[in-house]
Amino acid sequence: SFPVYNGTAVRFFSQAADGFEAQLCD
């Protein structure tokens, strides 16, 4: 029961610190 989507922008972070900084901004 997990839907499939094709209207989503996906961004990959190769380092956790970069992901964390993006989180803080959002």
PDB file of all heavy atoms in Angstrom:
ATOM      1  N   SER A   1       0.800  -1.240   0.000  1.00  0.00           N
ATOM      2  CA  SER A   1       0.000   0.000   0.000  1.00  0.00           C
ATOM      3  C   SER A   1       0.828   1.283   0.000  1.00  0.00           C
ATOM      4  O   SER A   1       0.388   2.309   0.523  1.00  0.00           O
ATOM      5  CB  SER A   1      -0.959   0.021   1.204  1.00  0.00           C
ATOM      6  OG  SER A   1      -1.788  -1.110   1.202  1.00  0.00           O
ATOM      7  N   PHE A   2       2.021   1.246  -0.588  1.00  0.00           N
ATOM      8  CA  PHE A   2       2.834   2.449  -0.710  1.00  0.00           C
ATOM      9  C   PHE A   2       2.754   2.957  -2.148  1.00  0.00           C
ATOM     10  O   PHE A   2       3.241   2.303  -3.073  1.00  0.00           O
ATOM     11  CB  PHE A   2       4.296   2.173  -0.339  1.00  0.00           C
ATOM     12  CG  PHE A   2       4.477   1.743   1.092  1.00  0.00           C
ATOM     13  CD1 PHE A   2       4.928   0.466   1.390  1.00  0.00           C
ATOM     14  CD2 PHE A   2       4.184   2.612   2.132  1.00  0.00           C
ATOM     15  CE1 PHE A   2       5.086   0.053   2.708  1.00  0.00           C
ATOM     16  CE2 PHE A   2       4.337   2.216   3.458  1.00  0.00           C
ATOM     17  CZ  PHE A   2       4.788   0.934   3.749  1.00  0.00           C
ATOM     18  N   PRO A   3       2.133   4.119  -2.381  1.00  0.00           N
ATOM     19  CA  PRO A   3       1.928   4.620  -3.742  1.00  0.00           C
ATOM     20  C   PRO A   3       3.231   4.950  -4.466  1.00  0.00           C
ATOM     21  O   PRO A   3       4.258   5.231  -3.849  1.00  0.00           O
ATOM     22  CB  PRO A   3       1.085   5.889  -3.525  1.00  0.00           C
ATOM     23  CG  PRO A   3       0.530   5.775  -2.150  1.00  0.00           C
ATOM     24  CD  PRO A   3       1.527   4.995  -1.367  1.00  0.00           C
ATOM     25  N   VAL A   4       3.150   4.946  -5.802  1.00  0.00           N
ATOM     26  CA  VAL A   4       4.247   5.380  -6.653  1.00  0.00           C
ATOM     27  C   VAL A   4       3.929   6.794  -7.137  1.00  0.00           C
ATOM     28  O   VAL A   4       2.792   7.088  -7.513  1.00  0.00           O
ATOM     29  CB  VAL A   4       4.413   4.450  -7.881  1.00  0.00           C
ATOM     30  CG1 VAL A   4       5.668   4.833  -8.667  1.00  0.00           C
ATOM     31  CG2 VAL A   4       4.454   2.999  -7.448  1.00  0.00           C
ATOM     32  N   TYR A   5       4.926   7.669  -7.147  1.00  0.00           N
ATOM     33  CA  TYR A   5       4.719   9.064  -7.533  1.00  0.00           C
ATOM     34  C   TYR A   5       5.676   9.442  -8.672  1.00  0.00           C
ATOM     35  O   TYR A   5       6.788   8.922  -8.765  1.00  0.00           O
ATOM     36  CB  TYR A   5       4.985   9.993  -6.349  1.00  0.00           C
ATOM     37  CG  TYR A   5       4.193   9.693  -5.098  1.00  0.00           C
ATOM     38  CD1 TYR A   5       4.697   8.850  -4.113  1.00  0.00           C
ATOM     39  CD2 TYR A   5       2.939  10.267  -4.890  1.00  0.00           C
ATOM     40  CE1 TYR A   5       3.980   8.581  -2.949  1.00  0.00           C
ATOM     41  CE2 TYR A   5       2.212  10.012  -3.724  1.00  0.00           C
ATOM     42  CZ  TYR A   5       2.743   9.165  -2.766  1.00  0.00           C
ATOM     43  OH  TYR A   5       2.035   8.904  -1.614  1.00  0.00           O
ATOM     44  N   ASN A   6       5.226  10.369  -9.513  1.00  0.00           N
ATOM     45  CA  ASN A   6       6.129  10.925 -10.525  1.00  0.00           C
ATOM     46  C   ASN A   6       6.051  12.449 -10.578  1.00  0.00           C
ATOM     47  O   ASN A   6       6.447  13.059 -11.561  1.00  0.00           O
ATOM     48  CB  ASN A   6       5.850  10.324 -11.905  1.00  0.00           C
ATOM     49  CG  ASN A   6       4.494  10.732 -12.457  1.00  0.00           C
ATOM     50  OD1 ASN A   6       3.664  11.304 -11.744  1.00  0.00           O
ATOM     51  ND2 ASN A   6       4.255  10.440 -13.721  1.00  0.00           N
ATOM     52  N   GLY A   7       5.562  13.053  -9.506  1.00  0.00           N
ATOM     53  CA  GLY A   7       5.504  14.509  -9.420  1.00  0.00           C
ATOM     54  C   GLY A   7       6.344  15.024  -8.281  1.00  0.00           C
ATOM     55  O   GLY A   7       5.945  15.948  -7.567  1.00  0.00           O
ATOM     56  N   THR A   8       7.524  14.423  -8.093  1.00  0.00           N
ATOM     57  CA  THR A   8       8.368  14.769  -6.944  1.00  0.00           C
ATOM     58  C   THR A   8       9.790  15.083  -7.387  1.00  0.00           C
ATOM     59  O   THR A   8      10.380  14.326  -8.170  1.00  0.00           O
ATOM     60  CB  THR A   8       8.393  13.601  -5.932  1.00  0.00           C
ATOM     61  OG1 THR A   8       7.069  13.365  -5.449  1.00  0.00           O
ATOM     62  CG2 THR A   8       9.303  13.913  -4.758  1.00  0.00           C
ATOM     63  N   ALA A   9      10.315  16.177  -6.892  1.00  0.00           N
ATOM     64  CA  ALA A   9      11.719  16.523  -7.130  1.00  0.00           C
ATOM     65  C   ALA A   9      12.565  15.851  -6.054  1.00  0.00           C
ATOM     66  O   ALA A   9      12.257  15.944  -4.863  1.00  0.00           O
ATOM     67  CB  ALA A   9      11.911  18.033  -7.085  1.00  0.00           C
ATOM     68  N   VAL A  10      13.623  15.161  -6.485  1.00  0.00           N
ATOM     69  CA  VAL A  10      14.480  14.420  -5.558  1.00  0.00           C
ATOM     70  C   VAL A  10      15.885  15.004  -5.599  1.00  0.00           C
ATOM     71  O   VAL A  10      16.472  15.158  -6.671  1.00  0.00           O
ATOM     72  CB  VAL A  10      14.538  12.922  -5.929  1.00  0.00           C
ATOM     73  CG1 VAL A  10      15.373  12.160  -4.904  1.00  0.00           C
ATOM     74  CG2 VAL A  10      13.140  12.331  -6.027  1.00  0.00           C
ATOM     75  N   ARG A  11      16.415  15.309  -4.423  1.00  0.00           N
ATOM     76  CA  ARG A  11      17.793  15.801  -4.321  1.00  0.00           C
ATOM     77  C   ARG A  11      18.578  14.872  -3.410  1.00  0.00           C
ATOM     78  O   ARG A  11      18.124  14.538  -2.308  1.00  0.00           O
ATOM     79  CB  ARG A  11      17.806  17.227  -3.769  1.00  0.00           C
ATOM     80  CG  ARG A  11      19.206  17.834  -3.673  1.00  0.00           C
ATOM     81  CD  ARG A  11      19.133  19.237  -3.093  1.00  0.00           C
ATOM     82  NE  ARG A  11      20.462  19.805  -2.864  1.00  0.00           N
ATOM     83  CZ  ARG A  11      20.684  20.934  -2.189  1.00  0.00           C
ATOM     84  NH1 ARG A  11      19.648  21.623  -1.699  1.00  0.00           N
ATOM     85  NH2 ARG A  11      21.927  21.376  -2.020  1.00  0.00           N
ATOM     86  N   PHE A  12      19.744  14.433  -3.885  1.00  0.00           N
ATOM     87  CA  PHE A  12      20.590  13.509  -3.127  1.00  0.00           C
ATOM     88  C   PHE A  12      21.735  14.271  -2.467  1.00  0.00           C
ATOM     89  O   PHE A  12      22.348  15.144  -3.083  1.00  0.00           O
ATOM     90  CB  PHE A  12      21.155  12.436  -4.064  1.00  0.00           C
ATOM     91  CG  PHE A  12      22.181  11.540  -3.425  1.00  0.00           C
ATOM     92  CD1 PHE A  12      21.809  10.574  -2.510  1.00  0.00           C
ATOM     93  CD2 PHE A  12      23.534  11.670  -3.742  1.00  0.00           C
ATOM     94  CE1 PHE A  12      22.762   9.756  -1.913  1.00  0.00           C
ATOM     95  CE2 PHE A  12      24.488  10.852  -3.162  1.00  0.00           C
ATOM     96  CZ  PHE A  12      24.094   9.890  -2.242  1.00  0.00           C
ATOM     97  N   PHE A  13      22.014  13.939  -1.198  1.00  0.00           N
ATOM     98  CA  PHE A  13      23.130  14.528  -0.471  1.00  0.00           C
ATOM     99  C   PHE A  13      24.163  13.440  -0.206  1.00  0.00           C
ATOM    100  O   PHE A  13      23.875  12.445   0.460  1.00  0.00           O
ATOM    101  CB  PHE A  13      22.657  15.120   0.857  1.00  0.00           C
ATOM    102  CG  PHE A  13      21.619  16.197   0.699  1.00  0.00           C
ATOM    103  CD1 PHE A  13      20.265  15.905   0.904  1.00  0.00           C
ATOM    104  CD2 PHE A  13      21.973  17.484   0.333  1.00  0.00           C
ATOM    105  CE1 PHE A  13      19.300  16.877   0.753  1.00  0.00           C
ATOM    106  CE2 PHE A  13      21.011  18.472   0.189  1.00  0.00           C
ATOM    107  CZ  PHE A  13      19.672  18.170   0.388  1.00  0.00           C
ATOM    108  N   SER A  14      25.360  13.644  -0.714  1.00  0.00           N
ATOM    109  CA  SER A  14      26.422  12.657  -0.523  1.00  0.00           C
ATOM    110  C   SER A  14      27.073  12.772   0.848  1.00  0.00           C
ATOM    111  O   SER A  14      27.827  11.888   1.256  1.00  0.00           O
ATOM    112  CB  SER A  14      27.493  12.807  -1.612  1.00  0.00           C
ATOM    113  OG  SER A  14      28.093  14.092  -1.546  1.00  0.00           O
ATOM    114  N   GLN A  15      26.787  13.868   1.562  1.00  0.00           N
ATOM    115  CA  GLN A  15      27.298  14.067   2.917  1.00  0.00           C
ATOM    116  C   GLN A  15      26.145  14.487   3.822  1.00  0.00           C
ATOM    117  O   GLN A  15      25.330  15.338   3.451  1.00  0.00           O
ATOM    118  CB  GLN A  15      28.395  15.136   2.939  1.00  0.00           C
ATOM    119  CG  GLN A  15      29.624  14.795   2.111  1.00  0.00           C
ATOM    120  CD  GLN A  15      30.375  13.580   2.639  1.00  0.00           C
ATOM    121  OE1 GLN A  15      30.359  13.303   3.845  1.00  0.00           O
ATOM    122  NE2 GLN A  15      31.042  12.854   1.747  1.00  0.00           N
ATOM    123  N   ALA A  16      26.104  13.900   5.013  1.00  0.00           N
ATOM    124  CA  ALA A  16      25.022  14.210   5.952  1.00  0.00           C
ATOM    125  C   ALA A  16      24.994  15.685   6.310  1.00  0.00           C
ATOM    126  O   ALA A  16      23.915  16.267   6.483  1.00  0.00           O
ATOM    127  CB  ALA A  16      25.174  13.360   7.206  1.00  0.00           C
ATOM    128  N   ALA A  17      26.165  16.298   6.422  1.00  0.00           N
ATOM    129  CA  ALA A  17      26.222  17.725   6.803  1.00  0.00           C
ATOM    130  C   ALA A  17      25.503  18.597   5.786  1.00  0.00           C
ATOM    131  O   ALA A  17      24.831  19.574   6.152  1.00  0.00           O
ATOM    132  CB  ALA A  17      27.677  18.167   6.954  1.00  0.00           C
ATOM    133  N   ASP A  18      25.611  18.239   4.500  1.00  0.00           N
ATOM    134  CA  ASP A  18      24.919  19.012   3.463  1.00  0.00           C
ATOM    135  C   ASP A  18      23.403  18.847   3.588  1.00  0.00           C
ATOM    136  O   ASP A  18      22.642  19.810   3.416  1.00  0.00           O
ATOM    137  CB  ASP A  18      25.383  18.563   2.081  1.00  0.00           C
ATOM    138  CG  ASP A  18      26.855  18.852   1.835  1.00  0.00           C
ATOM    139  OD1 ASP A  18      27.385  19.777   2.471  1.00  0.00           O
ATOM    140  OD2 ASP A  18      27.474  18.137   1.024  1.00  0.00           O
ATOM    141  N   GLY A  19      22.976  17.623   3.873  1.00  0.00           N
ATOM    142  CA  GLY A  19      21.554  17.384   4.075  1.00  0.00           C
ATOM    143  C   GLY A  19      21.020  18.144   5.274  1.00  0.00           C
ATOM    144  O   GLY A  19      19.915  18.714   5.232  1.00  0.00           O
ATOM    145  N   PHE A  20      21.803  18.187   6.339  1.00  0.00           N
ATOM    146  CA  PHE A  20      21.380  18.891   7.554  1.00  0.00           C
ATOM    147  C   PHE A  20      21.251  20.390   7.298  1.00  0.00           C
ATOM    148  O   PHE A  20      20.295  21.031   7.760  1.00  0.00           O
ATOM    149  CB  PHE A  20      22.381  18.614   8.673  1.00  0.00           C
ATOM    150  CG  PHE A  20      21.991  19.181   9.998  1.00  0.00           C
ATOM    151  CD1 PHE A  20      20.831  18.776  10.637  1.00  0.00           C
ATOM    152  CD2 PHE A  20      22.791  20.127  10.626  1.00  0.00           C
ATOM    153  CE1 PHE A  20      20.459  19.297  11.873  1.00  0.00           C
ATOM    154  CE2 PHE A  20      22.440  20.660  11.862  1.00  0.00           C
ATOM    155  CZ  PHE A  20      21.273  20.242  12.480  1.00  0.00           C
ATOM    156  N   GLU A  21      22.201  20.965   6.553  1.00  0.00           N
ATOM    157  CA  GLU A  21      22.135  22.393   6.241  1.00  0.00           C
ATOM    158  C   GLU A  21      20.891  22.700   5.409  1.00  0.00           C
ATOM    159  O   GLU A  21      20.220  23.719   5.622  1.00  0.00           O
ATOM    160  CB  GLU A  21      23.400  22.833   5.495  1.00  0.00           C
ATOM    161  CG  GLU A  21      24.663  22.804   6.337  1.00  0.00           C
ATOM    162  CD  GLU A  21      24.602  23.745   7.530  1.00  0.00           C
ATOM    163  OE1 GLU A  21      23.960  24.809   7.419  1.00  0.00           O
ATOM    164  OE2 GLU A  21      25.204  23.421   8.572  1.00  0.00           O
ATOM    165  N   ALA A  22      20.573  21.826   4.459  1.00  0.00           N
ATOM    166  CA  ALA A  22      19.369  22.017   3.649  1.00  0.00           C
ATOM    167  C   ALA A  22      18.116  21.924   4.513  1.00  0.00           C
ATOM    168  O   ALA A  22      17.144  22.670   4.315  1.00  0.00           O
ATOM    169  CB  ALA A  22      19.327  20.986   2.523  1.00  0.00           C
ATOM    170  N   GLN A  23      18.128  21.017   5.490  1.00  0.00           N
ATOM    171  CA  GLN A  23      17.000  20.907   6.409  1.00  0.00           C
ATOM    172  C   GLN A  23      16.789  22.199   7.173  1.00  0.00           C
ATOM    173  O   GLN A  23      15.654  22.671   7.322  1.00  0.00           O
ATOM    174  CB  GLN A  23      17.247  19.759   7.402  1.00  0.00           C
ATOM    175  CG  GLN A  23      16.805  18.397   6.900  1.00  0.00           C
ATOM    176  CD  GLN A  23      17.057  17.321   7.941  1.00  0.00           C
ATOM    177  OE1 GLN A  23      18.070  16.656   7.878  1.00  0.00           O
ATOM    178  NE2 GLN A  23      16.154  17.160   8.872  1.00  0.00           N
ATOM    179  N   LEU A  24      17.873  22.737   7.696  1.00  0.00           N
ATOM    180  CA  LEU A  24      17.767  23.980   8.465  1.00  0.00           C
ATOM    181  C   LEU A  24      17.171  25.099   7.618  1.00  0.00           C
ATOM    182  O   LEU A  24      16.339  25.884   8.100  1.00  0.00           O
ATOM    183  CB  LEU A  24      19.149  24.388   8.992  1.00  0.00           C
ATOM    184  CG  LEU A  24      19.785  23.466  10.036  1.00  0.00           C
ATOM    185  CD1 LEU A  24      21.184  23.957  10.393  1.00  0.00           C
ATOM    186  CD2 LEU A  24      18.918  23.370  11.289  1.00  0.00           C
ATOM    187  N   CYS A  25      17.572  25.167   6.351  1.00  0.00           N
ATOM    188  CA  CYS A  25      17.030  26.207   5.461  1.00  0.00           C
ATOM    189  C   CYS A  25      15.534  26.034   5.249  1.00  0.00           C
ATOM    190  O   CYS A  25      14.760  27.000   5.294  1.00  0.00           O
ATOM    191  CB  CYS A  25      17.767  26.169   4.116  1.00  0.00           C
ATOM    192  SG  CYS A  25      19.470  26.747   4.195  1.00  0.00           S
ATOM    193  N   ASP A  26      15.098  24.802   5.009  1.00  0.00           N
ATOM    194  CA  ASP A  26      13.670  24.556   4.787  1.00  0.00           C
ATOM    195  C   ASP A  26      12.859  24.741   6.063  1.00  0.00           C
ATOM    196  O   ASP A  26      11.721  25.226   6.026  1.00  0.00           O
ATOM    197  CB  ASP A  26      13.465  23.145   4.231  1.00  0.00           C
ATOM    198  CG  ASP A  26      13.773  23.053   2.743  1.00  0.00           C
ATOM    199  OD1 ASP A  26      13.346  23.939   1.993  1.00  0.00           O
ATOM    200  OD2 ASP A  26      14.459  22.097   2.325  1.00  0.00           O
TER     201      ASP A  26
END
